[in-house]
Amino acid sequence: MSSATTSIPAATLPADTTPAEQNRGILVFCLFALYVVWGSTYLAIHWALRGGFPPFLMAGVRFTIAGVILYAVLRLRGYARPSLRQWGAGALMGFLLLLMGNGSVVFAQQWVPSGLAALVVGSVPLWTALFGGVFGQWPGRAERWGLAIGFCGLILLNLGSDMSGNLWATFALLVGPVSWAFGSIWSRRLPLAGGLMSTATQMLTGGAMFFLVSACMGEHLTTLPPPRALLSVGYLIVFGSLVAFSAYGYLLRNARPAVATSYAYVNPMVAVLLGTFLAGESLSVWGFMAMGAILGSVVLITRSKR
């Protein structure tokens, strides 16, 4: 929990508001940000890429600008400067969550529809349950059924050729959720900076890694992207990073991993609807069957008793 939340004295709260109610309100806002905002970022990424932004350069711009803004605001508000150890932990999370997790999805979206990318990312809770077991919390019976059904859904995606058109895109979409889930579980055991400063260190270090990969791949802008692409990147900076990624960090610190990753079965619905009505995308019959299997498995996992 951020210091800005824990340090508010009771006397400064409205008379009809308790700390528990305030925390519940923050939790609901964070879930809304993850469910709706993150679901819409897949379409924003689609438009940015179609507008001429190279994938890793676009991600580097997105997270670096967001990280600089968040870091500056936090320092002005009196947050302590992160220690070298905290910067190192933030860099590790920046690598796992942003470069490997988000970067793999952005890379794959050069070839696959935004709704399909969101659907595959919907497997994050499956991997989270597995890695939770590695750290001592093995899945129960309902979760094991959920894992089995979810992996069947991923197989359906491959058999239905929705993911078979490009080997690199397929590989990236499988690696991304695994890295994101592992990083989410491991984050609770790392000496991360307090509150939102942890998010700032992850975005700054992750953004630097994106720029490094972009330079190694020779990415560059050939022309000025059209207004829609520029607005999409702006949306990703403000809402996808500053709002939603910060909300995810808060949930990882203050809620069960199953709750923090529950956005995964809402995002595909939002992404598919937006992609269908605004970008002319569509899923095959196999894709919709896979969606049912993956989302059903995630519901089993997130609703099971811990």
C-alpha atoms as a PDB file:
ATOM      1  CA  MET A   1       0.000   0.000   0.000  1.00  0.00           C
ATOM      2  CA  SER A   2       1.327   3.407  -0.900  1.00  0.00           C
ATOM      3  CA  SER A   3       2.484   5.778   1.807  1.00  0.00           C
ATOM      4  CA  ALA A   4      -0.026   8.339   0.567  1.00  0.00           C
ATOM      5  CA  THR A   5      -2.786   5.977   1.664  1.00  0.00           C
ATOM      6  CA  THR A   6      -1.370   4.681   4.916  1.00  0.00           C
ATOM      7  CA  SER A   7      -0.385   8.084   6.276  1.00  0.00           C
ATOM      8  CA  ILE A   8      -3.836   9.727   6.091  1.00  0.00           C
ATOM      9  CA  PRO A   9      -4.995  10.402   9.650  1.00  0.00           C
ATOM     10  CA  ALA A  10      -8.555   9.499  10.537  1.00  0.00           C
ATOM     11  CA  ALA A  11      -9.417  13.123  11.230  1.00  0.00           C
ATOM     12  CA  THR A  12      -8.863  14.065   7.584  1.00  0.00           C
ATOM     13  CA  LEU A  13     -11.381  11.520   6.304  1.00  0.00           C
ATOM     14  CA  PRO A  14     -14.989  12.566   5.708  1.00  0.00           C
ATOM     15  CA  ALA A  15     -17.248  11.889   8.683  1.00  0.00           C
ATOM     16  CA  ASP A  16     -19.190   9.195   6.835  1.00  0.00           C
ATOM     17  CA  THR A  17     -16.097   7.473   5.381  1.00  0.00           C
ATOM     18  CA  THR A  18     -14.027   4.833   7.157  1.00  0.00           C
ATOM     19  CA  PRO A  19     -10.532   3.714   6.137  1.00  0.00           C
ATOM     20  CA  ALA A  20     -11.981   0.313   5.161  1.00  0.00           C
ATOM     21  CA  GLU A  21     -14.531   1.952   2.872  1.00  0.00           C
ATOM     22  CA  GLN A  22     -11.841   4.140   1.344  1.00  0.00           C
ATOM     23  CA  ASN A  23      -9.613   1.121   0.665  1.00  0.00           C
ATOM     24  CA  ARG A  24     -12.598  -0.725  -0.834  1.00  0.00           C
ATOM     25  CA  GLY A  25     -13.193   2.221  -3.146  1.00  0.00           C
ATOM     26  CA  ILE A  26      -9.549   2.178  -4.276  1.00  0.00           C
ATOM     27  CA  LEU A  27      -9.812  -1.565  -4.892  1.00  0.00           C
ATOM     28  CA  VAL A  28     -12.936  -1.145  -7.035  1.00  0.00           C
ATOM     29  CA  PHE A  29     -11.294   1.662  -9.033  1.00  0.00           C
ATOM     30  CA  CYS A  30      -8.177  -0.463  -9.620  1.00  0.00           C
ATOM     31  CA  LEU A  31     -10.258  -3.410 -10.816  1.00  0.00           C
ATOM     32  CA  PHE A  32     -12.204  -1.139 -13.184  1.00  0.00           C
ATOM     33  CA  ALA A  33      -8.931   0.216 -14.568  1.00  0.00           C
ATOM     34  CA  LEU A  34      -7.654  -3.294 -15.216  1.00  0.00           C
ATOM     35  CA  TYR A  35     -10.931  -4.705 -16.549  1.00  0.00           C
ATOM     36  CA  VAL A  36     -11.891  -1.897 -18.940  1.00  0.00           C
ATOM     37  CA  VAL A  37      -8.809   0.256 -19.552  1.00  0.00           C
ATOM     38  CA  TRP A  38      -6.389  -2.609 -20.103  1.00  0.00           C
ATOM     39  CA  GLY A  39      -8.939  -4.303 -22.345  1.00  0.00           C
ATOM     40  CA  SER A  40      -8.939  -1.219 -24.569  1.00  0.00           C
ATOM     41  CA  THR A  41      -5.147  -0.927 -24.750  1.00  0.00           C
ATOM     42  CA  TYR A  42      -4.943  -3.824 -27.217  1.00  0.00           C
ATOM     43  CA  LEU A  43      -6.816  -1.739 -29.787  1.00  0.00           C
ATOM     44  CA  ALA A  44      -4.629   1.282 -28.992  1.00  0.00           C
ATOM     45  CA  ILE A  45      -1.522  -0.849 -29.602  1.00  0.00           C
ATOM     46  CA  HIS A  46      -3.072  -2.088 -32.868  1.00  0.00           C
ATOM     47  CA  TRP A  47      -3.627   1.482 -34.090  1.00  0.00           C
ATOM     48  CA  ALA A  48      -0.150   2.616 -33.001  1.00  0.00           C
ATOM     49  CA  LEU A  49       1.514  -0.244 -34.876  1.00  0.00           C
ATOM     50  CA  ARG A  50      -0.627   0.273 -37.978  1.00  0.00           C
ATOM     51  CA  GLY A  51       0.293   3.951 -37.849  1.00  0.00           C
ATOM     52  CA  GLY A  52       3.975   3.182 -38.329  1.00  0.00           C
ATOM     53  CA  PHE A  53       5.343   2.873 -34.784  1.00  0.00           C
ATOM     54  CA  PRO A  54       7.900   0.024 -34.466  1.00  0.00           C
ATOM     55  CA  PRO A  55       6.796  -2.230 -31.554  1.00  0.00           C
ATOM     56  CA  PHE A  56       9.734  -1.880 -29.165  1.00  0.00           C
ATOM     57  CA  LEU A  57      10.308   1.796 -29.899  1.00  0.00           C
ATOM     58  CA  MET A  58       6.630   2.499 -29.213  1.00  0.00           C
ATOM     59  CA  ALA A  59       6.751   0.557 -25.932  1.00  0.00           C
ATOM     60  CA  GLY A  60       9.937   2.364 -24.915  1.00  0.00           C
ATOM     61  CA  VAL A  61       8.334   5.756 -25.508  1.00  0.00           C
ATOM     62  CA  ARG A  62       5.201   4.676 -23.638  1.00  0.00           C
ATOM     63  CA  PHE A  63       6.831   3.409 -20.469  1.00  0.00           C
ATOM     64  CA  THR A  64       9.693   5.897 -20.292  1.00  0.00           C
ATOM     65  CA  ILE A  65       7.430   8.948 -20.496  1.00  0.00           C
ATOM     66  CA  ALA A  66       4.963   7.427 -18.036  1.00  0.00           C
ATOM     67  CA  GLY A  67       7.806   6.492 -15.673  1.00  0.00           C
ATOM     68  CA  VAL A  68       9.364   9.953 -15.796  1.00  0.00           C
ATOM     69  CA  ILE A  69       6.012  11.614 -15.052  1.00  0.00           C
ATOM     70  CA  LEU A  70       5.186   9.265 -12.173  1.00  0.00           C
ATOM     71  CA  TYR A  71       8.685   9.463 -10.670  1.00  0.00           C
ATOM     72  CA  ALA A  72       8.722  13.263 -10.820  1.00  0.00           C
ATOM     73  CA  VAL A  73       5.290  13.574  -9.211  1.00  0.00           C
ATOM     74  CA  LEU A  74       6.198  11.163  -6.413  1.00  0.00           C
ATOM     75  CA  ARG A  75       9.469  12.943  -5.664  1.00  0.00           C
ATOM     76  CA  LEU A  76       7.666  16.295  -5.537  1.00  0.00           C
ATOM     77  CA  ARG A  77       5.201  14.759  -3.074  1.00  0.00           C
ATOM     78  CA  GLY A  78       8.026  13.717  -0.781  1.00  0.00           C
ATOM     79  CA  TYR A  79       8.575  10.067  -1.652  1.00  0.00           C
ATOM     80  CA  ALA A  80      12.070   8.827  -0.824  1.00  0.00           C
ATOM     81  CA  ARG A  81      14.553   8.176  -3.599  1.00  0.00           C
ATOM     82  CA  PRO A  82      14.753   4.388  -4.244  1.00  0.00           C
ATOM     83  CA  SER A  83      17.885   2.623  -3.057  1.00  0.00           C
ATOM     84  CA  LEU A  84      20.198   0.807  -5.456  1.00  0.00           C
ATOM     85  CA  ARG A  85      18.729  -2.497  -4.280  1.00  0.00           C
ATOM     86  CA  GLN A  86      15.194  -1.253  -4.973  1.00  0.00           C
ATOM     87  CA  TRP A  87      16.229  -0.062  -8.435  1.00  0.00           C
ATOM     88  CA  GLY A  88      17.614  -3.544  -9.087  1.00  0.00           C
ATOM     89  CA  ALA A  89      14.375  -5.210  -8.011  1.00  0.00           C
ATOM     90  CA  GLY A  90      12.403  -2.746 -10.137  1.00  0.00           C
ATOM     91  CA  ALA A  91      14.617  -3.536 -13.126  1.00  0.00           C
ATOM     92  CA  LEU A  92      13.983  -7.246 -12.676  1.00  0.00           C
ATOM     93  CA  MET A  93      10.226  -6.625 -12.646  1.00  0.00           C
ATOM     94  CA  GLY A  94      10.605  -4.274 -15.604  1.00  0.00           C
ATOM     95  CA  PHE A  95      12.275  -7.109 -17.500  1.00  0.00           C
ATOM     96  CA  LEU A  96       9.719  -9.787 -16.571  1.00  0.00           C
ATOM     97  CA  LEU A  97       6.488  -7.773 -16.669  1.00  0.00           C
ATOM     98  CA  LEU A  98       7.215  -5.131 -19.288  1.00  0.00           C
ATOM     99  CA  LEU A  99       9.947  -6.236 -21.686  1.00  0.00           C
ATOM    100  CA  MET A 100       9.098  -9.946 -21.736  1.00  0.00           C
ATOM    101  CA  GLY A 101       5.423  -9.793 -20.728  1.00  0.00           C
ATOM    102  CA  ASN A 102       4.071  -6.704 -22.471  1.00  0.00           C
ATOM    103  CA  GLY A 103       6.792  -6.582 -25.127  1.00  0.00           C
ATOM    104  CA  SER A 104       5.975 -10.076 -26.374  1.00  0.00           C
ATOM    105  CA  VAL A 105       2.326  -9.124 -26.850  1.00  0.00           C
ATOM    106  CA  VAL A 106       3.189  -5.869 -28.643  1.00  0.00           C
ATOM    107  CA  PHE A 107       5.594  -7.767 -30.909  1.00  0.00           C
ATOM    108  CA  ALA A 108       2.947 -10.387 -31.737  1.00  0.00           C
ATOM    109  CA  GLN A 109       0.283  -7.785 -32.498  1.00  0.00           C
ATOM    110  CA  GLN A 110       2.122  -6.952 -35.678  1.00  0.00           C
ATOM    111  CA  TRP A 111       0.507 -10.094 -37.109  1.00  0.00           C
ATOM    112  CA  VAL A 112      -2.403 -11.180 -34.888  1.00  0.00           C
ATOM    113  CA  PRO A 113      -5.699  -9.373 -34.100  1.00  0.00           C
ATOM    114  CA  SER A 114      -5.889  -7.406 -30.861  1.00  0.00           C
ATOM    115  CA  GLY A 115      -8.750  -9.575 -29.568  1.00  0.00           C
ATOM    116  CA  LEU A 116      -6.749 -12.762 -30.090  1.00  0.00           C
ATOM    117  CA  ALA A 117      -3.743 -11.276 -28.293  1.00  0.00           C
ATOM    118  CA  ALA A 118      -5.958 -10.379 -25.324  1.00  0.00           C
ATOM    119  CA  LEU A 119      -7.436 -13.874 -25.341  1.00  0.00           C
ATOM    120  CA  VAL A 120      -4.028 -15.543 -25.094  1.00  0.00           C
ATOM    121  CA  VAL A 121      -3.012 -13.128 -22.333  1.00  0.00           C
ATOM    122  CA  GLY A 122      -6.141 -14.421 -20.601  1.00  0.00           C
ATOM    123  CA  SER A 123      -4.071 -17.485 -19.727  1.00  0.00           C
ATOM    124  CA  VAL A 124      -2.084 -15.447 -17.146  1.00  0.00           C
ATOM    125  CA  PRO A 125      -4.100 -16.801 -14.168  1.00  0.00           C
ATOM    126  CA  LEU A 126      -3.344 -20.352 -15.336  1.00  0.00           C
ATOM    127  CA  TRP A 127       0.371 -19.704 -15.167  1.00  0.00           C
ATOM    128  CA  THR A 128      -0.044 -17.715 -11.953  1.00  0.00           C
ATOM    129  CA  ALA A 129      -1.647 -20.755 -10.319  1.00  0.00           C
ATOM    130  CA  LEU A 130       1.238 -22.954 -11.434  1.00  0.00           C
ATOM    131  CA  PHE A 131       3.936 -20.576 -10.219  1.00  0.00           C
ATOM    132  CA  GLY A 132       2.005 -20.101  -6.985  1.00  0.00           C
ATOM    133  CA  GLY A 133       2.425 -23.838  -6.489  1.00  0.00           C
ATOM    134  CA  VAL A 134       6.160 -23.587  -7.092  1.00  0.00           C
ATOM    135  CA  PHE A 135       6.292 -21.061  -4.245  1.00  0.00           C
ATOM    136  CA  GLY A 136       4.319 -23.346  -1.923  1.00  0.00           C
ATOM    137  CA  GLN A 137       0.633 -22.848  -2.799  1.00  0.00           C
ATOM    138  CA  TRP A 138      -0.364 -25.684  -5.112  1.00  0.00           C
ATOM    139  CA  PRO A 139      -3.712 -25.493  -6.932  1.00  0.00           C
ATOM    140  CA  GLY A 140      -6.729 -27.230  -5.421  1.00  0.00           C
ATOM    141  CA  ARG A 141      -9.082 -29.575  -7.285  1.00  0.00           C
ATOM    142  CA  ALA A 142     -11.097 -26.820  -8.988  1.00  0.00           C
ATOM    143  CA  GLU A 143      -7.913 -25.012  -9.962  1.00  0.00           C
ATOM    144  CA  ARG A 144      -6.430 -28.186 -11.446  1.00  0.00           C
ATOM    145  CA  TRP A 145      -9.546 -28.613 -13.584  1.00  0.00           C
ATOM    146  CA  GLY A 146      -9.237 -24.986 -14.576  1.00  0.00           C
ATOM    147  CA  LEU A 147      -5.615 -25.463 -15.612  1.00  0.00           C
ATOM    148  CA  ALA A 148      -6.481 -28.513 -17.724  1.00  0.00           C
ATOM    149  CA  ILE A 149      -9.374 -26.754 -19.479  1.00  0.00           C
ATOM    150  CA  GLY A 150      -7.298 -23.639 -20.051  1.00  0.00           C
ATOM    151  CA  PHE A 151      -4.461 -25.508 -21.702  1.00  0.00           C
ATOM    152  CA  CYS A 152      -7.017 -27.252 -23.915  1.00  0.00           C
ATOM    153  CA  GLY A 153      -8.167 -23.783 -24.942  1.00  0.00           C
ATOM    154  CA  LEU A 154      -4.633 -22.816 -25.947  1.00  0.00           C
ATOM    155  CA  ILE A 155      -4.406 -25.999 -28.025  1.00  0.00           C
ATOM    156  CA  LEU A 156      -7.685 -25.079 -29.750  1.00  0.00           C
ATOM    157  CA  LEU A 157      -6.221 -21.705 -30.684  1.00  0.00           C
ATOM    158  CA  ASN A 158      -3.309 -23.437 -32.400  1.00  0.00           C
ATOM    159  CA  LEU A 159      -5.398 -26.108 -34.113  1.00  0.00           C
ATOM    160  CA  GLY A 160      -7.811 -23.487 -35.387  1.00  0.00           C
ATOM    161  CA  SER A 161      -4.934 -21.673 -37.139  1.00  0.00           C
ATOM    162  CA  ASP A 162      -5.667 -18.388 -35.319  1.00  0.00           C
ATOM    163  CA  MET A 163      -2.110 -18.512 -34.009  1.00  0.00           C
ATOM    164  CA  SER A 164      -0.441 -20.695 -36.619  1.00  0.00           C
ATOM    165  CA  GLY A 165       0.167 -18.020 -39.274  1.00  0.00           C
ATOM    166  CA  ASN A 166       3.435 -16.767 -37.788  1.00  0.00           C
ATOM    167  CA  LEU A 167       5.747 -18.911 -35.687  1.00  0.00           C
ATOM    168  CA  TRP A 168       7.407 -15.937 -33.960  1.00  0.00           C
ATOM    169  CA  ALA A 169       4.052 -14.370 -33.055  1.00  0.00           C
ATOM    170  CA  THR A 170       2.855 -17.680 -31.633  1.00  0.00           C
ATOM    171  CA  PHE A 171       6.016 -18.079 -29.572  1.00  0.00           C
ATOM    172  CA  ALA A 172       5.814 -14.502 -28.304  1.00  0.00           C
ATOM    173  CA  LEU A 173       2.177 -14.869 -27.237  1.00  0.00           C
ATOM    174  CA  LEU A 174       3.061 -17.981 -25.264  1.00  0.00           C
ATOM    175  CA  VAL A 175       6.146 -16.460 -23.606  1.00  0.00           C
ATOM    176  CA  GLY A 176       4.478 -13.185 -22.626  1.00  0.00           C
ATOM    177  CA  PRO A 177       1.842 -14.549 -20.207  1.00  0.00           C
ATOM    178  CA  VAL A 178       4.361 -16.944 -18.636  1.00  0.00           C
ATOM    179  CA  SER A 179       6.817 -14.135 -17.899  1.00  0.00           C
ATOM    180  CA  TRP A 180       4.053 -11.827 -16.623  1.00  0.00           C
ATOM    181  CA  ALA A 181       2.657 -14.485 -14.284  1.00  0.00           C
ATOM    182  CA  PHE A 182       6.071 -15.437 -12.914  1.00  0.00           C
ATOM    183  CA  GLY A 183       6.961 -11.797 -12.307  1.00  0.00           C
ATOM    184  CA  SER A 184       3.640 -11.138 -10.581  1.00  0.00           C
ATOM    185  CA  ILE A 185       4.167 -14.004  -8.139  1.00  0.00           C
ATOM    186  CA  TRP A 186       7.837 -13.251  -7.529  1.00  0.00           C
ATOM    187  CA  SER A 187       7.224  -9.519  -6.968  1.00  0.00           C
ATOM    188  CA  ARG A 188       6.025 -10.148  -3.408  1.00  0.00           C
ATOM    189  CA  ARG A 189       9.418 -11.588  -2.505  1.00  0.00           C
ATOM    190  CA  LEU A 190      11.560  -8.776  -3.881  1.00  0.00           C
ATOM    191  CA  PRO A 191      12.775  -5.602  -2.091  1.00  0.00           C
ATOM    192  CA  LEU A 192      10.746  -3.268  -4.297  1.00  0.00           C
ATOM    193  CA  ALA A 193      10.384   0.430  -3.534  1.00  0.00           C
ATOM    194  CA  GLY A 194       7.316   1.429  -1.544  1.00  0.00           C
ATOM    195  CA  GLY A 195       3.937   2.119  -3.124  1.00  0.00           C
ATOM    196  CA  LEU A 196       3.781   3.752  -6.543  1.00  0.00           C
ATOM    197  CA  MET A 197       7.533   4.334  -6.525  1.00  0.00           C
ATOM    198  CA  SER A 198       7.843   0.636  -7.307  1.00  0.00           C
ATOM    199  CA  THR A 199       5.741   1.170 -10.436  1.00  0.00           C
ATOM    200  CA  ALA A 200       7.895   4.150 -11.434  1.00  0.00           C
ATOM    201  CA  THR A 201      11.152   2.175 -11.149  1.00  0.00           C
ATOM    202  CA  GLN A 202       9.693  -0.667 -13.197  1.00  0.00           C
ATOM    203  CA  MET A 203       8.496   1.628 -15.982  1.00  0.00           C
ATOM    204  CA  LEU A 204      11.752   3.620 -16.126  1.00  0.00           C
ATOM    205  CA  THR A 205      13.994   0.560 -16.240  1.00  0.00           C
ATOM    206  CA  GLY A 206      11.617  -1.342 -18.514  1.00  0.00           C
ATOM    207  CA  GLY A 207      11.447   1.635 -20.882  1.00  0.00           C
ATOM    208  CA  ALA A 208      15.254   1.765 -21.057  1.00  0.00           C
ATOM    209  CA  MET A 209      15.322  -1.956 -21.919  1.00  0.00           C
ATOM    210  CA  PHE A 210      12.790  -1.411 -24.697  1.00  0.00           C
ATOM    211  CA  PHE A 211      14.937   1.347 -26.193  1.00  0.00           C
ATOM    212  CA  LEU A 212      17.988  -0.930 -26.031  1.00  0.00           C
ATOM    213  CA  VAL A 213      16.184  -3.762 -27.836  1.00  0.00           C
ATOM    214  CA  SER A 214      14.775  -1.282 -30.344  1.00  0.00           C
ATOM    215  CA  ALA A 215      18.259   0.037 -31.118  1.00  0.00           C
ATOM    216  CA  CYS A 216      19.655  -3.489 -31.495  1.00  0.00           C
ATOM    217  CA  MET A 217      16.868  -4.312 -33.971  1.00  0.00           C
ATOM    218  CA  GLY A 218      17.450  -1.128 -35.936  1.00  0.00           C
ATOM    219  CA  GLU A 219      13.966   0.266 -35.378  1.00  0.00           C
ATOM    220  CA  HIS A 220      13.240   3.847 -36.384  1.00  0.00           C
ATOM    221  CA  LEU A 221      10.383   6.025 -37.543  1.00  0.00           C
ATOM    222  CA  THR A 222      10.385   6.543 -41.297  1.00  0.00           C
ATOM    223  CA  THR A 223       7.673   9.223 -41.255  1.00  0.00           C
ATOM    224  CA  LEU A 224       5.624  11.086 -38.673  1.00  0.00           C
ATOM    225  CA  PRO A 225       2.797   8.739 -37.604  1.00  0.00           C
ATOM    226  CA  PRO A 226      -0.778   9.884 -38.283  1.00  0.00           C
ATOM    227  CA  PRO A 227      -2.818  11.579 -35.519  1.00  0.00           C
ATOM    228  CA  ARG A 228      -4.670   8.382 -34.557  1.00  0.00           C
ATOM    229  CA  ALA A 229      -1.391   6.565 -33.911  1.00  0.00           C
ATOM    230  CA  LEU A 230      -0.017   9.468 -31.865  1.00  0.00           C
ATOM    231  CA  LEU A 231      -3.233   9.685 -29.839  1.00  0.00           C
ATOM    232  CA  SER A 232      -3.087   5.917 -29.281  1.00  0.00           C
ATOM    233  CA  VAL A 233       0.408   6.184 -27.809  1.00  0.00           C
ATOM    234  CA  GLY A 234      -0.775   9.073 -25.639  1.00  0.00           C
ATOM    235  CA  TYR A 235      -3.671   6.904 -24.431  1.00  0.00           C
ATOM    236  CA  LEU A 236      -1.254   4.086 -23.622  1.00  0.00           C
ATOM    237  CA  ILE A 237       0.977   6.462 -21.642  1.00  0.00           C
ATOM    238  CA  VAL A 238      -1.800   8.040 -19.566  1.00  0.00           C
ATOM    239  CA  PHE A 239      -4.377   5.301 -19.162  1.00  0.00           C
ATOM    240  CA  GLY A 240      -2.530   2.093 -20.000  1.00  0.00           C
ATOM    241  CA  SER A 241       0.577   2.904 -17.921  1.00  0.00           C
ATOM    242  CA  LEU A 242       0.025   5.709 -15.419  1.00  0.00           C
ATOM    243  CA  VAL A 243      -3.479   4.545 -14.459  1.00  0.00           C
ATOM    244  CA  ALA A 244      -3.804   0.819 -15.187  1.00  0.00           C
ATOM    245  CA  PHE A 245      -0.242  -0.393 -14.566  1.00  0.00           C
ATOM    246  CA  SER A 246      -0.146   1.587 -11.320  1.00  0.00           C
ATOM    247  CA  ALA A 247      -3.478  -0.006 -10.370  1.00  0.00           C
ATOM    248  CA  TYR A 248      -2.032  -3.454 -11.065  1.00  0.00           C
ATOM    249  CA  GLY A 249       0.917  -2.736  -8.791  1.00  0.00           C
ATOM    250  CA  TYR A 250      -1.477  -1.667  -6.031  1.00  0.00           C
ATOM    251  CA  LEU A 251      -3.490  -4.888  -6.384  1.00  0.00           C
ATOM    252  CA  LEU A 252      -0.357  -7.045  -6.298  1.00  0.00           C
ATOM    253  CA  ARG A 253       0.548  -5.432  -2.966  1.00  0.00           C
ATOM    254  CA  ASN A 254      -2.921  -5.372  -1.413  1.00  0.00           C
ATOM    255  CA  ALA A 255      -4.982  -8.240  -2.881  1.00  0.00           C
ATOM    256  CA  ARG A 256      -4.658 -11.954  -3.535  1.00  0.00           C
ATOM    257  CA  PRO A 257      -2.870 -12.837  -6.813  1.00  0.00           C
ATOM    258  CA  ALA A 258      -6.137 -14.426  -8.036  1.00  0.00           C
ATOM    259  CA  VAL A 259      -7.908 -11.074  -7.656  1.00  0.00           C
ATOM    260  CA  ALA A 260      -5.029  -9.099  -9.163  1.00  0.00           C
ATOM    261  CA  THR A 261      -5.015 -11.304 -12.275  1.00  0.00           C
ATOM    262  CA  SER A 262      -8.809 -11.640 -12.564  1.00  0.00           C
ATOM    263  CA  TYR A 263      -8.768  -8.902 -15.226  1.00  0.00           C
ATOM    264  CA  ALA A 264      -7.641 -11.610 -17.643  1.00  0.00           C
ATOM    265  CA  TYR A 265     -11.132 -12.981 -18.234  1.00  0.00           C
ATOM    266  CA  VAL A 266     -12.656  -9.529 -18.848  1.00  0.00           C
ATOM    267  CA  ASN A 267      -9.972  -8.040 -21.102  1.00  0.00           C
ATOM    268  CA  PRO A 268     -10.571 -10.461 -24.000  1.00  0.00           C
ATOM    269  CA  MET A 269     -14.273  -9.576 -24.100  1.00  0.00           C
ATOM    270  CA  VAL A 270     -13.484  -5.857 -24.185  1.00  0.00           C
ATOM    271  CA  ALA A 271     -10.696  -6.310 -26.737  1.00  0.00           C
ATOM    272  CA  VAL A 272     -12.754  -8.535 -29.053  1.00  0.00           C
ATOM    273  CA  LEU A 273     -15.729  -6.164 -29.000  1.00  0.00           C
ATOM    274  CA  LEU A 274     -13.576  -3.102 -29.671  1.00  0.00           C
ATOM    275  CA  GLY A 275     -11.565  -4.898 -32.340  1.00  0.00           C
ATOM    276  CA  THR A 276     -14.724  -6.099 -34.057  1.00  0.00           C
ATOM    277  CA  PHE A 277     -16.585  -2.782 -34.108  1.00  0.00           C
ATOM    278  CA  LEU A 278     -13.680  -0.339 -34.471  1.00  0.00           C
ATOM    279  CA  ALA A 279     -10.953  -2.251 -36.348  1.00  0.00           C
ATOM    280  CA  GLY A 280     -12.874  -4.786 -38.433  1.00  0.00           C
ATOM    281  CA  GLU A 281     -11.244  -7.769 -36.682  1.00  0.00           C
ATOM    282  CA  SER A 282     -12.867 -11.136 -36.092  1.00  0.00           C
ATOM    283  CA  LEU A 283     -12.205 -14.502 -34.477  1.00  0.00           C
ATOM    284  CA  SER A 284     -12.802 -17.872 -36.115  1.00  0.00           C
ATOM    285  CA  VAL A 285     -15.159 -20.463 -34.661  1.00  0.00           C
ATOM    286  CA  TRP A 286     -12.114 -22.178 -33.164  1.00  0.00           C
ATOM    287  CA  GLY A 287     -11.139 -18.894 -31.582  1.00  0.00           C
ATOM    288  CA  PHE A 288     -14.513 -18.467 -29.893  1.00  0.00           C
ATOM    289  CA  MET A 289     -14.397 -22.080 -28.662  1.00  0.00           C
ATOM    290  CA  ALA A 290     -10.950 -21.411 -27.240  1.00  0.00           C
ATOM    291  CA  MET A 291     -12.253 -18.231 -25.599  1.00  0.00           C
ATOM    292  CA  GLY A 292     -14.954 -20.205 -23.822  1.00  0.00           C
ATOM    293  CA  ALA A 293     -12.444 -22.776 -22.596  1.00  0.00           C
ATOM    294  CA  ILE A 294      -9.836 -20.264 -21.412  1.00  0.00           C
ATOM    295  CA  LEU A 295     -12.286 -17.894 -19.738  1.00  0.00           C
ATOM    296  CA  GLY A 296     -14.145 -20.779 -18.092  1.00  0.00           C
ATOM    297  CA  SER A 297     -10.872 -22.113 -16.725  1.00  0.00           C
ATOM    298  CA  VAL A 298      -9.909 -18.708 -15.346  1.00  0.00           C
ATOM    299  CA  VAL A 299     -13.270 -18.417 -13.572  1.00  0.00           C
ATOM    300  CA  LEU A 300     -12.665 -21.820 -11.943  1.00  0.00           C
ATOM    301  CA  ILE A 301      -9.238 -20.728 -10.754  1.00  0.00           C
ATOM    302  CA  THR A 302     -10.143 -17.271  -9.463  1.00  0.00           C
ATOM    303  CA  ARG A 303     -13.347 -18.357  -7.699  1.00  0.00           C
ATOM    304  CA  SER A 304     -11.849 -21.355  -5.922  1.00  0.00           C
ATOM    305  CA  LYS A 305     -11.171 -21.098  -2.203  1.00  0.00           C
ATOM    306  CA  ARG A 306      -7.615 -20.474  -1.196  1.00  0.00           C
END
